[in-house]
PDB file of N, CA and C in Angstrom:
ATOM      1  N   MET A   1      18.790  -5.607   5.354  1.00  0.00           N
ATOM      2  CA  MET A   1      18.346  -6.525   5.337  1.00  0.00           C
ATOM      3  C   MET A   1      20.178  -6.783   5.154  1.00  0.00           C
ATOM      4  N   GLN A   2      19.372  -8.520   5.239  1.00  0.00           N
ATOM      5  CA  GLN A   2      20.709  -9.770   5.027  1.00  0.00           C
ATOM      6  C   GLN A   2      20.379 -10.866   3.579  1.00  0.00           C
ATOM      7  N   SER A   3      21.166 -10.893   2.920  1.00  0.00           N
ATOM      8  CA  SER A   3      20.704 -12.409   1.514  1.00  0.00           C
ATOM      9  C   SER A   3      21.336 -13.348   2.014  1.00  0.00           C
ATOM     10  N   ALA A   4      20.160 -14.219   1.773  1.00  0.00           N
ATOM     11  CA  ALA A   4      20.585 -15.529   2.055  1.00  0.00           C
ATOM     12  C   ALA A   4      21.096 -15.678   0.963  1.00  0.00           C
ATOM     13  N   ALA A   5      22.338 -16.941   1.337  1.00  0.00           N
ATOM     14  CA  ALA A   5      23.158 -17.347  -0.784  1.00  0.00           C
ATOM     15  C   ALA A   5      22.342 -18.272  -0.481  1.00  0.00           C
ATOM     16  N   ILE A   6      21.326 -18.542  -1.664  1.00  0.00           N
ATOM     17  CA  ILE A   6      20.909 -20.016  -2.321  1.00  0.00           C
ATOM     18  C   ILE A   6      21.486 -20.635  -3.557  1.00  0.00           C
ATOM     19  N   PRO A   7      22.153 -21.572  -3.238  1.00  0.00           N
ATOM     20  CA  PRO A   7      22.889 -22.300  -4.342  1.00  0.00           C
ATOM     21  C   PRO A   7      21.671 -22.602  -5.451  1.00  0.00           C
ATOM     22  N   PHE A   8      22.352 -23.058  -6.841  1.00  0.00           N
ATOM     23  CA  PHE A   8      21.272 -22.912  -7.640  1.00  0.00           C
ATOM     24  C   PHE A   8      20.278 -24.825  -7.180  1.00  0.00           C
ATOM     25  N   GLN A   9      19.125 -24.986  -7.593  1.00  0.00           N
ATOM     26  CA  GLN A   9      18.899 -26.058  -7.369  1.00  0.00           C
ATOM     27  C   GLN A   9      17.373 -26.532  -8.039  1.00  0.00           C
ATOM     28  N   VAL A  10      16.637 -27.759  -7.957  1.00  0.00           N
ATOM     29  CA  VAL A  10      15.427 -27.750  -8.499  1.00  0.00           C
ATOM     30  C   VAL A  10      15.015 -28.116  -7.814  1.00  0.00           C
ATOM     31  N   ILE A  11      13.082 -27.366  -7.991  1.00  0.00           N
ATOM     32  CA  ILE A  11      12.521 -27.941  -7.168  1.00  0.00           C
ATOM     33  C   ILE A  11      11.084 -28.490  -7.703  1.00  0.00           C
ATOM     34  N   ASP A  12      11.324 -29.729  -6.928  1.00  0.00           N
ATOM     35  CA  ASP A  12      10.390 -30.250  -7.678  1.00  0.00           C
ATOM     36  C   ASP A  12       8.641 -30.924  -6.782  1.00  0.00           C
ATOM     37  N   TRP A  13       7.609 -29.442  -7.339  1.00  0.00           N
ATOM     38  CA  TRP A  13       7.127 -28.801  -6.426  1.00  0.00           C
ATOM     39  C   TRP A  13       6.370 -30.871  -6.051  1.00  0.00           C
ATOM     40  N   LYS A  14       6.175 -31.849  -7.035  1.00  0.00           N
ATOM     41  CA  LYS A  14       5.296 -32.373  -6.434  1.00  0.00           C
ATOM     42  C   LYS A  14       5.698 -33.908  -5.461  1.00  0.00           C
ATOM     43  N   LYS A  15       6.860 -33.382  -4.718  1.00  0.00           N
ATOM     44  CA  LYS A  15       7.702 -34.483  -4.039  1.00  0.00           C
ATOM     45  C   LYS A  15       7.343 -32.816  -3.065  1.00  0.00           C
ATOM     46  N   THR A  16       7.084 -32.227  -2.477  1.00  0.00           N
ATOM     47  CA  THR A  16       7.697 -31.124  -1.649  1.00  0.00           C
ATOM     48  C   THR A  16       6.112 -31.310  -1.074  1.00  0.00           C
ATOM     49  N   GLU A  17       5.690 -31.219   0.682  1.00  0.00           N
ATOM     50  CA  GLU A  17       4.820 -32.057   1.308  1.00  0.00           C
ATOM     51  C   GLU A  17       4.097 -30.780   1.578  1.00  0.00           C
ATOM     52  N   LYS A  18       2.868 -31.093   1.539  1.00  0.00           N
ATOM     53  CA  LYS A  18       1.390 -30.447   1.317  1.00  0.00           C
ATOM     54  C   LYS A  18       0.912 -30.036   2.363  1.00  0.00           C
ATOM     55  N   THR A  19       0.965 -28.779   3.598  1.00  0.00           N
ATOM     56  CA  THR A  19       0.315 -28.745   4.702  1.00  0.00           C
ATOM     57  C   THR A  19      -1.241 -28.006   4.281  1.00  0.00           C
ATOM     58  N   ASN A  20      -1.753 -28.492   5.650  1.00  0.00           N
ATOM     59  CA  ASN A  20      -3.441 -27.780   5.224  1.00  0.00           C
ATOM     60  C   ASN A  20      -3.613 -26.474   6.394  1.00  0.00           C
ATOM     61  N   HIS A  21      -4.333 -25.248   6.039  1.00  0.00           N
ATOM     62  CA  HIS A  21      -4.459 -23.986   6.628  1.00  0.00           C
ATOM     63  C   HIS A  21      -6.513 -23.716   6.157  1.00  0.00           C
ATOM     64  N   PRO A  22      -6.556 -24.360   7.628  1.00  0.00           N
ATOM     65  CA  PRO A  22      -8.242 -24.022   7.035  1.00  0.00           C
ATOM     66  C   PRO A  22      -8.382 -22.588   7.107  1.00  0.00           C
ATOM     67  N   GLY A  23      -9.169 -22.369   5.817  1.00  0.00           N
ATOM     68  CA  GLY A  23      -9.930 -20.781   5.874  1.00  0.00           C
ATOM     69  C   GLY A  23     -10.663 -20.596   7.063  1.00  0.00           C
ATOM     70  N   THR A  24     -12.495 -19.770   6.199  1.00  0.00           N
ATOM     71  CA  THR A  24     -13.401 -19.343   6.911  1.00  0.00           C
ATOM     72  C   THR A  24     -14.268 -20.348   6.653  1.00  0.00           C
ATOM     73  N   THR A  25     -14.129 -20.576   4.976  1.00  0.00           N
ATOM     74  CA  THR A  25     -14.620 -21.478   4.086  1.00  0.00           C
ATOM     75  C   THR A  25     -13.666 -22.307   3.347  1.00  0.00           C
ATOM     76  N   GLY A  26     -13.140 -23.594   2.893  1.00  0.00           N
ATOM     77  CA  GLY A  26     -12.578 -24.190   1.832  1.00  0.00           C
ATOM     78  C   GLY A  26     -11.096 -23.895   3.113  1.00  0.00           C
ATOM     79  N   ILE A  27     -10.119 -24.636   1.985  1.00  0.00           N
ATOM     80  CA  ILE A  27      -8.842 -24.978   3.256  1.00  0.00           C
ATOM     81  C   ILE A  27      -7.883 -24.312   1.539  1.00  0.00           C
ATOM     82  N   ALA A  28      -7.246 -23.830   2.552  1.00  0.00           N
ATOM     83  CA  ALA A  28      -5.631 -23.608   1.660  1.00  0.00           C
ATOM     84  C   ALA A  28      -4.693 -24.219   2.102  1.00  0.00           C
ATOM     85  N   LEU A  29      -4.049 -25.484   0.527  1.00  0.00           N
ATOM     86  CA  LEU A  29      -2.632 -26.025   0.754  1.00  0.00           C
ATOM     87  C   LEU A  29      -1.102 -25.366   0.381  1.00  0.00           C
ATOM     88  N   TRP A  30      -0.775 -25.637   1.159  1.00  0.00           N
ATOM     89  CA  TRP A  30       0.779 -24.860   1.289  1.00  0.00           C
ATOM     90  C   TRP A  30       2.194 -26.290   0.799  1.00  0.00           C
ATOM     91  N   GLN A  31       3.056 -25.687  -0.389  1.00  0.00           N
ATOM     92  CA  GLN A  31       3.515 -26.192  -0.395  1.00  0.00           C
ATOM     93  C   GLN A  31       4.794 -24.968   0.031  1.00  0.00           C
ATOM     94  N   THR A  32       5.776 -25.854   0.620  1.00  0.00           N
ATOM     95  CA  THR A  32       6.441 -24.146   1.390  1.00  0.00           C
ATOM     96  C   THR A  32       8.439 -24.990   1.031  1.00  0.00           C
ATOM     97  N   LEU A  33       9.265 -23.993   0.849  1.00  0.00           N
ATOM     98  CA  LEU A  33      10.003 -24.025   0.814  1.00  0.00           C
ATOM     99  C   LEU A  33      10.775 -22.435   1.666  1.00  0.00           C
ATOM    100  N   GLN A  34      11.602 -22.868   3.120  1.00  0.00           N
ATOM    101  CA  GLN A  34      12.235 -21.645   3.370  1.00  0.00           C
ATOM    102  C   GLN A  34      13.873 -21.861   3.233  1.00  0.00           C
ATOM    103  N   PHE A  35      14.297 -19.854   2.452  1.00  0.00           N
ATOM    104  CA  PHE A  35      15.277 -19.538   2.893  1.00  0.00           C
ATOM    105  C   PHE A  35      16.050 -18.574   3.612  1.00  0.00           C
ATOM    106  N   GLY A  36      16.703 -19.078   5.024  1.00  0.00           N
ATOM    107  CA  GLY A  36      16.357 -17.587   5.621  1.00  0.00           C
ATOM    108  C   GLY A  36      15.107 -16.398   5.229  1.00  0.00           C
ATOM    109  N   GLY A  37      15.176 -15.096   5.157  1.00  0.00           N
ATOM    110  CA  GLY A  37      14.377 -14.724   5.163  1.00  0.00           C
ATOM    111  C   GLY A  37      13.111 -14.393   3.884  1.00  0.00           C
ATOM    112  N   LEU A  38      13.371 -15.454   3.395  1.00  0.00           N
ATOM    113  CA  LEU A  38      12.888 -15.332   2.160  1.00  0.00           C
ATOM    114  C   LEU A  38      11.909 -16.908   2.548  1.00  0.00           C
ATOM    115  N   ARG A  39      10.814 -16.844   1.509  1.00  0.00           N
ATOM    116  CA  ARG A  39       9.967 -18.028   1.639  1.00  0.00           C
ATOM    117  C   ARG A  39       9.464 -17.806   0.295  1.00  0.00           C
ATOM    118  N   VAL A  40       8.870 -19.252  -0.264  1.00  0.00           N
ATOM    119  CA  VAL A  40       8.741 -19.370  -1.240  1.00  0.00           C
ATOM    120  C   VAL A  40       7.626 -20.793  -1.620  1.00  0.00           C
ATOM    121  N   ARG A  41       6.357 -20.207  -2.102  1.00  0.00           N
ATOM    122  CA  ARG A  41       5.315 -21.590  -1.590  1.00  0.00           C
ATOM    123  C   ARG A  41       4.408 -21.556  -2.897  1.00  0.00           C
ATOM    124  N   MET A  42       3.946 -23.051  -3.133  1.00  0.00           N
ATOM    125  CA  MET A  42       3.074 -23.109  -3.742  1.00  0.00           C
ATOM    126  C   MET A  42       1.753 -23.032  -3.655  1.00  0.00           C
ATOM    127  N   VAL A  43       0.480 -22.376  -3.774  1.00  0.00           N
ATOM    128  CA  VAL A  43      -0.995 -22.440  -2.649  1.00  0.00           C
ATOM    129  C   VAL A  43      -2.047 -23.156  -3.736  1.00  0.00           C
ATOM    130  N   GLU A  44      -2.860 -24.106  -3.418  1.00  0.00           N
ATOM    131  CA  GLU A  44      -3.903 -23.910  -4.116  1.00  0.00           C
ATOM    132  C   GLU A  44      -4.664 -24.026  -2.344  1.00  0.00           C
ATOM    133  N   TYR A  45      -5.617 -23.179  -3.275  1.00  0.00           N
ATOM    134  CA  TYR A  45      -6.761 -22.728  -2.213  1.00  0.00           C
ATOM    135  C   TYR A  45      -8.443 -23.340  -3.205  1.00  0.00           C
ATOM    136  N   THR A  46      -8.705 -24.087  -2.052  1.00  0.00           N
ATOM    137  CA  THR A  46      -9.759 -25.360  -2.477  1.00  0.00           C
ATOM    138  C   THR A  46     -11.297 -24.268  -3.302  1.00  0.00           C
ATOM    139  N   LYS A  47     -11.905 -25.396  -3.683  1.00  0.00           N
ATOM    140  CA  LYS A  47     -13.305 -24.200  -4.511  1.00  0.00           C
ATOM    141  C   LYS A  47     -13.952 -23.734  -3.353  1.00  0.00           C
ATOM    142  N   GLY A  48     -14.736 -22.867  -3.077  1.00  0.00           N
ATOM    143  CA  GLY A  48     -15.065 -22.157  -1.483  1.00  0.00           C
ATOM    144  C   GLY A  48     -14.063 -21.185  -0.616  1.00  0.00           C
ATOM    145  N   TYR A  49     -12.928 -20.820  -0.837  1.00  0.00           N
ATOM    146  CA  TYR A  49     -12.396 -20.970   0.639  1.00  0.00           C
ATOM    147  C   TYR A  49     -12.272 -19.102   0.452  1.00  0.00           C
ATOM    148  N   LEU A  50     -12.383 -18.873   1.487  1.00  0.00           N
ATOM    149  CA  LEU A  50     -12.066 -17.230   2.211  1.00  0.00           C
ATOM    150  C   LEU A  50     -11.419 -17.502   3.157  1.00  0.00           C
ATOM    151  N   ALA A  51     -10.178 -16.550   2.508  1.00  0.00           N
ATOM    152  CA  ALA A  51      -9.646 -16.932   3.875  1.00  0.00           C
ATOM    153  C   ALA A  51     -10.045 -15.979   5.550  1.00  0.00           C
ATOM    154  N   ASP A  52      -9.476 -16.516   6.096  1.00  0.00           N
ATOM    155  CA  ASP A  52      -9.961 -16.028   7.445  1.00  0.00           C
ATOM    156  C   ASP A  52      -9.256 -15.150   8.813  1.00  0.00           C
ATOM    157  N   HIS A  53      -8.674 -14.422   8.148  1.00  0.00           N
ATOM    158  CA  HIS A  53      -8.214 -13.481   7.757  1.00  0.00           C
ATOM    159  C   HIS A  53      -7.401 -12.691   7.482  1.00  0.00           C
ATOM    160  N   TRP A  54      -7.657 -10.614   7.676  1.00  0.00           N
ATOM    161  CA  TRP A  54      -7.133  -9.771   7.376  1.00  0.00           C
ATOM    162  C   TRP A  54      -5.344  -9.584   7.362  1.00  0.00           C
ATOM    163  N   CYS A  55      -4.765 -10.512   5.839  1.00  0.00           N
ATOM    164  CA  CYS A  55      -2.869 -10.119   6.332  1.00  0.00           C
ATOM    165  C   CYS A  55      -2.754  -9.279   6.051  1.00  0.00           C
ATOM    166  N   GLN A  56      -1.462  -8.798   6.724  1.00  0.00           N
ATOM    167  CA  GLN A  56      -0.664  -7.845   6.430  1.00  0.00           C
ATOM    168  C   GLN A  56       0.884  -7.473   6.347  1.00  0.00           C
ATOM    169  N   LYS A  57       1.156  -8.735   5.856  1.00  0.00           N
ATOM    170  CA  LYS A  57       2.464  -9.337   4.938  1.00  0.00           C
ATOM    171  C   LYS A  57       2.403  -9.017   4.048  1.00  0.00           C
ATOM    172  N   GLY A  58       3.608  -8.445   2.844  1.00  0.00           N
ATOM    173  CA  GLY A  58       4.083  -8.418   1.628  1.00  0.00           C
ATOM    174  C   GLY A  58       4.035  -9.352   1.458  1.00  0.00           C
ATOM    175  N   HIS A  59       3.435 -10.085  -0.006  1.00  0.00           N
ATOM    176  CA  HIS A  59       3.438 -11.110  -0.353  1.00  0.00           C
ATOM    177  C   HIS A  59       3.832 -10.466  -2.764  1.00  0.00           C
ATOM    178  N   ILE A  60       4.102 -11.294  -3.785  1.00  0.00           N
ATOM    179  CA  ILE A  60       4.751 -11.389  -4.811  1.00  0.00           C
ATOM    180  C   ILE A  60       3.817 -13.030  -4.865  1.00  0.00           C
ATOM    181  N   VAL A  61       2.470 -12.391  -5.418  1.00  0.00           N
ATOM    182  CA  VAL A  61       1.900 -13.515  -5.958  1.00  0.00           C
ATOM    183  C   VAL A  61       1.515 -12.978  -7.850  1.00  0.00           C
ATOM    184  N   HIS A  62       1.768 -14.777  -8.145  1.00  0.00           N
ATOM    185  CA  HIS A  62       0.473 -15.103  -9.282  1.00  0.00           C
ATOM    186  C   HIS A  62       0.584 -16.202  -9.415  1.00  0.00           C
ATOM    187  N   CYS A  63      -1.151 -15.584 -10.083  1.00  0.00           N
ATOM    188  CA  CYS A  63      -1.889 -16.741 -11.066  1.00  0.00           C
ATOM    189  C   CYS A  63      -1.341 -17.932 -11.674  1.00  0.00           C
ATOM    190  N   LEU A  64      -1.111 -18.700 -11.035  1.00  0.00           N
ATOM    191  CA  LEU A  64      -1.124 -19.988 -12.027  1.00  0.00           C
ATOM    192  C   LEU A  64      -2.181 -20.514 -13.116  1.00  0.00           C
ATOM    193  N   GLU A  65      -3.007 -21.089 -11.576  1.00  0.00           N
ATOM    194  CA  GLU A  65      -4.428 -21.551 -12.662  1.00  0.00           C
ATOM    195  C   GLU A  65      -5.892 -21.493 -11.878  1.00  0.00           C
ATOM    196  N   GLY A  66      -7.116 -21.186 -12.467  1.00  0.00           N
ATOM    197  CA  GLY A  66      -8.004 -20.690 -11.911  1.00  0.00           C
ATOM    198  C   GLY A  66      -8.027 -18.821 -11.628  1.00  0.00           C
ATOM    199  N   GLY A  67      -8.251 -18.637 -11.303  1.00  0.00           N
ATOM    200  CA  GLY A  67      -8.782 -16.970 -10.913  1.00  0.00           C
ATOM    201  C   GLY A  67      -9.550 -17.426  -9.202  1.00  0.00           C
ATOM    202  N   PHE A  68      -8.862 -15.943  -8.623  1.00  0.00           N
ATOM    203  CA  PHE A  68      -9.481 -15.591  -7.302  1.00  0.00           C
ATOM    204  C   PHE A  68      -9.574 -13.843  -7.300  1.00  0.00           C
ATOM    205  N   THR A  69     -10.109 -13.906  -5.736  1.00  0.00           N
ATOM    206  CA  THR A  69     -10.387 -12.153  -5.611  1.00  0.00           C
ATOM    207  C   THR A  69     -10.002 -11.607  -4.432  1.00  0.00           C
ATOM    208  N   THR A  70      -8.850 -10.974  -4.555  1.00  0.00           N
ATOM    209  CA  THR A  70      -8.149  -9.913  -3.647  1.00  0.00           C
ATOM    210  C   THR A  70      -9.273  -8.766  -2.725  1.00  0.00           C
ATOM    211  N   GLU A  71      -9.542  -9.009  -1.414  1.00  0.00           N
ATOM    212  CA  GLU A  71     -10.527  -7.828  -1.343  1.00  0.00           C
ATOM    213  C   GLU A  71      -9.617  -6.944  -0.343  1.00  0.00           C
ATOM    214  N   LEU A  72      -9.230  -5.952  -0.594  1.00  0.00           N
ATOM    215  CA  LEU A  72      -8.838  -4.971   0.286  1.00  0.00           C
ATOM    216  C   LEU A  72      -9.131  -4.706   1.255  1.00  0.00           C
ATOM    217  N   GLN A  73      -8.775  -4.234   2.330  1.00  0.00           N
ATOM    218  CA  GLN A  73      -9.784  -3.931   3.424  1.00  0.00           C
ATOM    219  C   GLN A  73     -10.938  -2.738   3.587  1.00  0.00           C
ATOM    220  N   THR A  74     -10.195  -1.804   2.580  1.00  0.00           N
ATOM    221  CA  THR A  74     -10.775  -0.543   2.286  1.00  0.00           C
ATOM    222  C   THR A  74     -11.782  -0.738   2.025  1.00  0.00           C
ATOM    223  N   GLY A  75     -12.174  -2.274   1.204  1.00  0.00           N
ATOM    224  CA  GLY A  75     -13.226  -2.325   0.332  1.00  0.00           C
ATOM    225  C   GLY A  75     -12.854  -2.605  -1.232  1.00  0.00           C
ATOM    226  N   GLU A  76     -11.636  -2.201  -1.640  1.00  0.00           N
ATOM    227  CA  GLU A  76     -11.595  -2.648  -3.329  1.00  0.00           C
ATOM    228  C   GLU A  76     -11.376  -3.959  -3.246  1.00  0.00           C
ATOM    229  N   SER A  77     -11.555  -4.544  -4.966  1.00  0.00           N
ATOM    230  CA  SER A  77     -11.364  -6.086  -4.437  1.00  0.00           C
ATOM    231  C   SER A  77     -10.921  -6.307  -6.095  1.00  0.00           C
ATOM    232  N   PHE A  78     -10.027  -6.946  -6.449  1.00  0.00           N
ATOM    233  CA  PHE A  78      -9.235  -7.203  -7.649  1.00  0.00           C
ATOM    234  C   PHE A  78      -9.479  -7.940  -8.167  1.00  0.00           C
ATOM    235  N   ASN A  79      -9.769  -8.302  -9.241  1.00  0.00           N
ATOM    236  CA  ASN A  79     -10.016  -9.735  -9.765  1.00  0.00           C
ATOM    237  C   ASN A  79      -9.021 -10.641 -10.809  1.00  0.00           C
ATOM    238  N   LEU A  80      -7.752 -12.264 -10.111  1.00  0.00           N
ATOM    239  CA  LEU A  80      -6.463 -11.873 -11.054  1.00  0.00           C
ATOM    240  C   LEU A  80      -7.506 -12.689 -11.110  1.00  0.00           C
ATOM    241  N   THR A  81      -6.956 -13.756 -12.938  1.00  0.00           N
ATOM    242  CA  THR A  81      -6.769 -14.525 -13.135  1.00  0.00           C
ATOM    243  C   THR A  81      -5.525 -15.075 -14.166  1.00  0.00           C
ATOM    244  N   GLU A  82      -5.576 -16.384 -14.280  1.00  0.00           N
ATOM    245  CA  GLU A  82      -3.877 -16.905 -14.994  1.00  0.00           C
ATOM    246  C   GLU A  82      -3.255 -16.136 -15.807  1.00  0.00           C
ATOM    247  N   GLY A  83      -1.906 -16.161 -15.188  1.00  0.00           N
ATOM    248  CA  GLY A  83      -1.436 -15.327 -15.492  1.00  0.00           C
ATOM    249  C   GLY A  83      -0.149 -14.125 -15.007  1.00  0.00           C
ATOM    250  N   MET A  84      -1.715 -13.779 -14.658  1.00  0.00           N
ATOM    251  CA  MET A  84      -1.627 -12.677 -14.015  1.00  0.00           C
ATOM    252  C   MET A  84      -0.752 -12.337 -12.104  1.00  0.00           C
ATOM    253  N   SER A  85      -0.478 -11.085 -12.247  1.00  0.00           N
ATOM    254  CA  SER A  85       0.334 -11.468 -10.213  1.00  0.00           C
ATOM    255  C   SER A  85       0.100 -10.169 -10.532  1.00  0.00           C
ATOM    256  N   TYR A  86      -0.042 -10.135  -8.711  1.00  0.00           N
ATOM    257  CA  TYR A  86       0.406  -8.765  -7.695  1.00  0.00           C
ATOM    258  C   TYR A  86       1.342  -8.314  -6.525  1.00  0.00           C
ATOM    259  N   ILE A  87       2.124  -7.103  -6.031  1.00  0.00           N
ATOM    260  CA  ILE A  87       2.944  -7.011  -5.201  1.00  0.00           C
ATOM    261  C   ILE A  87       2.414  -6.187  -4.137  1.00  0.00           C
ATOM    262  N   VAL A  88       3.012  -6.380  -2.851  1.00  0.00           N
ATOM    263  CA  VAL A  88       2.441  -5.616  -2.321  1.00  0.00           C
ATOM    264  C   VAL A  88       3.462  -5.661  -1.341  1.00  0.00           C
ATOM    265  N   SER A  89       3.727  -4.503   0.089  1.00  0.00           N
ATOM    266  CA  SER A  89       4.378  -4.701   0.563  1.00  0.00           C
ATOM    267  C   SER A  89       3.764  -4.853   2.137  1.00  0.00           C
ATOM    268  N   ASP A  90       4.721  -5.218   3.164  1.00  0.00           N
ATOM    269  CA  ASP A  90       4.004  -5.054   4.707  1.00  0.00           C
ATOM    270  C   ASP A  90       3.597  -3.914   5.348  1.00  0.00           C
ATOM    271  N   ASP A  91       2.463  -4.124   5.141  1.00  0.00           N
ATOM    272  CA  ASP A  91       1.552  -3.521   6.152  1.00  0.00           C
ATOM    273  C   ASP A  91       1.497  -2.195   5.591  1.00  0.00           C
ATOM    274  N   LEU A  92       1.114  -2.506   4.323  1.00  0.00           N
ATOM    275  CA  LEU A  92       0.400  -1.168   3.350  1.00  0.00           C
ATOM    276  C   LEU A  92      -1.088  -1.418   2.787  1.00  0.00           C
ATOM    277  N   SER A  93      -0.992  -2.479   2.797  1.00  0.00           N
ATOM    278  CA  SER A  93      -2.642  -3.039   2.245  1.00  0.00           C
ATOM    279  C   SER A  93      -2.902  -4.128   3.386  1.00  0.00           C
ATOM    280  N   SER A  94      -4.081  -4.397   3.632  1.00  0.00           N
ATOM    281  CA  SER A  94      -4.578  -5.668   5.042  1.00  0.00           C
ATOM    282  C   SER A  94      -5.497  -6.030   3.617  1.00  0.00           C
ATOM    283  N   HIS A  95      -5.650  -7.741   3.556  1.00  0.00           N
ATOM    284  CA  HIS A  95      -6.254  -8.274   2.317  1.00  0.00           C
ATOM    285  C   HIS A  95      -6.321  -9.591   2.508  1.00  0.00           C
ATOM    286  N   ARG A  96      -7.290 -10.087   1.916  1.00  0.00           N
ATOM    287  CA  ARG A  96      -7.718 -11.251   2.382  1.00  0.00           C
ATOM    288  C   ARG A  96      -7.960 -11.718   0.746  1.00  0.00           C
ATOM    289  N   SER A  97      -7.385 -13.495   0.325  1.00  0.00           N
ATOM    290  CA  SER A  97      -8.416 -14.090  -1.078  1.00  0.00           C
ATOM    291  C   SER A  97      -9.672 -14.609  -1.317  1.00  0.00           C
ATOM    292  N   ILE A  98      -9.827 -15.190  -1.760  1.00  0.00           N
ATOM    293  CA  ILE A  98     -11.169 -15.441  -1.799  1.00  0.00           C
ATOM    294  C   ILE A  98     -11.268 -16.611  -3.572  1.00  0.00           C
ATOM    295  N   THR A  99     -12.154 -17.427  -3.694  1.00  0.00           N
ATOM    296  CA  THR A  99     -12.116 -17.783  -5.203  1.00  0.00           C
ATOM    297  C   THR A  99     -13.206 -18.542  -5.231  1.00  0.00           C
ATOM    298  N   GLU A 100     -14.118 -18.792  -6.368  1.00  0.00           N
ATOM    299  CA  GLU A 100     -15.511 -19.055  -5.753  1.00  0.00           C
ATOM    300  C   GLU A 100     -15.135 -20.688  -6.436  1.00  0.00           C
ATOM    301  N   ASN A 101     -13.662 -21.391  -8.014  1.00  0.00           N
ATOM    302  CA  ASN A 101     -13.545 -22.290  -7.633  1.00  0.00           C
ATOM    303  C   ASN A 101     -12.283 -23.159  -7.858  1.00  0.00           C
ATOM    304  N   GLY A 102     -11.383 -22.371  -6.807  1.00  0.00           N
ATOM    305  CA  GLY A 102     -10.098 -22.464  -6.473  1.00  0.00           C
ATOM    306  C   GLY A 102      -8.657 -22.281  -7.556  1.00  0.00           C
ATOM    307  N   VAL A 103      -7.833 -21.812  -7.016  1.00  0.00           N
ATOM    308  CA  VAL A 103      -6.965 -21.581  -8.070  1.00  0.00           C
ATOM    309  C   VAL A 103      -5.204 -22.035  -7.087  1.00  0.00           C
ATOM    310  N   LYS A 104      -3.971 -21.968  -7.925  1.00  0.00           N
ATOM    311  CA  LYS A 104      -3.374 -22.466  -7.648  1.00  0.00           C
ATOM    312  C   LYS A 104      -2.166 -21.228  -8.343  1.00  0.00           C
ATOM    313  N   LEU A 105      -1.712 -20.737  -6.593  1.00  0.00           N
ATOM    314  CA  LEU A 105      -0.242 -19.877  -6.930  1.00  0.00           C
ATOM    315  C   LEU A 105       0.851 -19.883  -6.483  1.00  0.00           C
ATOM    316  N   LEU A 106       1.477 -19.401  -6.971  1.00  0.00           N
ATOM    317  CA  LEU A 106       2.896 -18.993  -6.895  1.00  0.00           C
ATOM    318  C   LEU A 106       3.345 -17.939  -5.409  1.00  0.00           C
ATOM    319  N   ILE A 107       4.124 -18.419  -5.000  1.00  0.00           N
ATOM    320  CA  ILE A 107       3.595 -16.524  -3.696  1.00  0.00           C
ATOM    321  C   ILE A 107       5.288 -17.291  -2.874  1.00  0.00           C
ATOM    322  N   ILE A 108       5.609 -15.507  -3.319  1.00  0.00           N
ATOM    323  CA  ILE A 108       7.312 -15.124  -2.886  1.00  0.00           C
ATOM    324  C   ILE A 108       6.704 -13.928  -2.043  1.00  0.00           C
ATOM    325  N   ASP A 109       7.563 -14.230  -0.565  1.00  0.00           N
ATOM    326  CA  ASP A 109       7.772 -12.924   0.701  1.00  0.00           C
ATOM    327  C   ASP A 109       8.741 -13.100   1.569  1.00  0.00           C
ATOM    328  N   GLY A 110       8.518 -12.434   2.323  1.00  0.00           N
ATOM    329  CA  GLY A 110      10.124 -12.109   3.060  1.00  0.00           C
ATOM    330  C   GLY A 110      10.737 -10.967   3.778  1.00  0.00           C
ATOM    331  N   ASP A 111      11.805 -10.839   4.236  1.00  0.00           N
ATOM    332  CA  ASP A 111      12.409  -9.251   4.265  1.00  0.00           C
ATOM    333  C   ASP A 111      12.820  -8.824   3.813  1.00  0.00           C
ATOM    334  N   PHE A 112      12.606  -8.889   1.981  1.00  0.00           N
ATOM    335  CA  PHE A 112      12.604  -8.046   1.293  1.00  0.00           C
ATOM    336  C   PHE A 112      11.822  -7.322   1.283  1.00  0.00           C
ATOM    337  N   LEU A 113      10.061  -7.052   1.660  1.00  0.00           N
ATOM    338  CA  LEU A 113       9.247  -6.593   1.405  1.00  0.00           C
ATOM    339  C   LEU A 113       8.414  -5.339   2.608  1.00  0.00           C
ATOM    340  N   LYS A 114       9.892  -5.368   3.584  1.00  0.00           N
ATOM    341  CA  LYS A 114       9.264  -4.906   4.577  1.00  0.00           C
ATOM    342  C   LYS A 114       9.015  -3.469   4.204  1.00  0.00           C
TER     343      LYS A 114
END
């Protein structure tokens, strides 16, 4: 893995474009910054959001506002609320997100989680 040299910068998320990613129900709104093999996202799931797939990617996920449930394809589920985080590497746990009332997350992923 080759690391990207990222110079100091301030990110004003209010000025970062939002893209829509429909779930089975609800919508995920992504604000994305890409630095080589590193992706940093501010993600909001609307009320009633259910992911439309089981994800195999690794992530570091931190809950900023609200709460959500991460389901594993094995049947386990984990409730995360404001201030909680999870981390998983690529291809170790198929997971998907669900939220009843909406949530705002900071998600970091990339080559370092392979």
